[in-house]
């Protein structure tokens, strides 16, 4: 069952889904950052100090 098909919203659903979507967003942003940084290093050379 998908979250938008839940008919009875209560505070427990809101808290759980809020934390869940926040965690998914953080993971998505992290993966996006690492992917873009890897692409940049590949094309422009990864200078190690």
Protein backbone atom coordinates (compact mmCIF):
# COMPACT_ATOMS: atom_id res chain seq x y z
CA UNK A 1 0.00 0.00 0.00
CA UNK A 2 1.40 3.35 -1.00
CA UNK A 3 1.50 6.23 1.53
CA UNK A 4 -0.94 8.41 -0.42
CA UNK A 5 -3.54 5.59 -0.34
CA UNK A 6 -3.78 5.62 3.45
CA UNK A 7 -7.24 6.92 4.23
CA UNK A 8 -6.92 7.72 7.95
CA UNK A 9 -4.09 10.14 8.65
CA UNK A 10 -3.12 10.30 12.30
CA UNK A 11 -0.09 11.90 13.98
CA UNK A 12 1.80 8.59 13.91
CA UNK A 13 1.56 8.39 10.12
CA UNK A 14 2.64 11.99 9.71
CA UNK A 15 5.64 11.63 12.01
CA UNK A 16 6.76 8.33 10.48
CA UNK A 17 6.42 9.50 6.89
CA UNK A 18 8.04 12.84 7.70
CA UNK A 19 11.10 11.11 9.15
CA UNK A 20 11.12 8.52 6.36
CA UNK A 21 11.00 11.10 3.57
CA UNK A 22 13.61 13.25 5.33
CA UNK A 23 15.98 10.25 5.50
CA UNK A 24 15.34 9.37 1.85
CA UNK A 25 15.99 13.00 0.88
CA UNK A 26 19.29 13.10 2.77
CA UNK A 27 20.42 9.86 1.14
CA UNK A 28 19.39 11.12 -2.29
CA UNK A 29 21.23 14.40 -1.82
CA UNK A 30 24.34 12.56 -0.62
CA UNK A 31 24.34 10.20 -3.58
CA UNK A 32 23.77 13.11 -5.98
CA UNK A 33 26.64 15.09 -4.43
CA UNK A 34 29.06 12.15 -4.62
CA UNK A 35 28.05 11.35 -8.19
CA UNK A 36 28.50 14.93 -9.38
CA UNK A 37 31.84 15.23 -7.54
CA UNK A 38 33.05 11.99 -9.12
CA UNK A 39 32.08 13.19 -12.59
CA UNK A 40 33.84 16.51 -11.99
CA UNK A 41 36.99 14.76 -10.77
CA UNK A 42 36.95 12.40 -13.73
CA UNK A 43 36.76 15.17 -16.33
CA UNK A 44 38.92 17.81 -14.62
CA UNK A 45 41.42 15.56 -12.86
CA UNK A 46 41.30 14.66 -9.22
CA UNK A 47 44.15 16.61 -7.72
CA UNK A 48 45.21 15.01 -4.46
CA UNK A 49 47.03 17.16 -1.92
